[in-house]
Amino acid sequence: QLFLVESGGGLVNPGGSLRLSCVASGFTLDYYVIGWFRRAPGKEREGVSCISFNDLSTYYSDSSKGRFTISRDVAKNTVYLQMNNLEPEDTAKYYCAADRITTVHDMCVTGPSDFSSWGQGTQVNVSS
């Protein structure tokens, strides 16, 4: 079974930066698509950014494009989300998910399948 653990959230001022980490155990992330999702109170889940662990194709939502960068470390079996120029609207709980037999677009836009694995999430608060 694939286990995912997120970390790196916290409280940051507007304009600040955070780097989220998603560490996988149980399986290597080869052949997986990994996505960062967020859910804010009263809002629907949003696919923020997704990456194919093998071919490094990526997808960014309109809200994250130009500010966030997704990357992966094969040796650490980890996916990162570097978030710069954070805005109060980025306040949410961020989750990573891993799925196979999908594309970065489908993962982020349509969402992971019922066979996907999810972490417990890490809270990001952007406030002055």
Foldseek 3Di string as FASTA:
>chain_A
DKAWAKDWADEAAQQAKIKMKIFIPDDAQQQKKKWKWWDDPPDDIATAKIAHPPPGDMDGDPVQPPFWDWDDDRVRSMIMIIGGRDDQVPWTWMKMKIAHPDDRCCCGPVHHDPPMYIYPTDTHGYHD
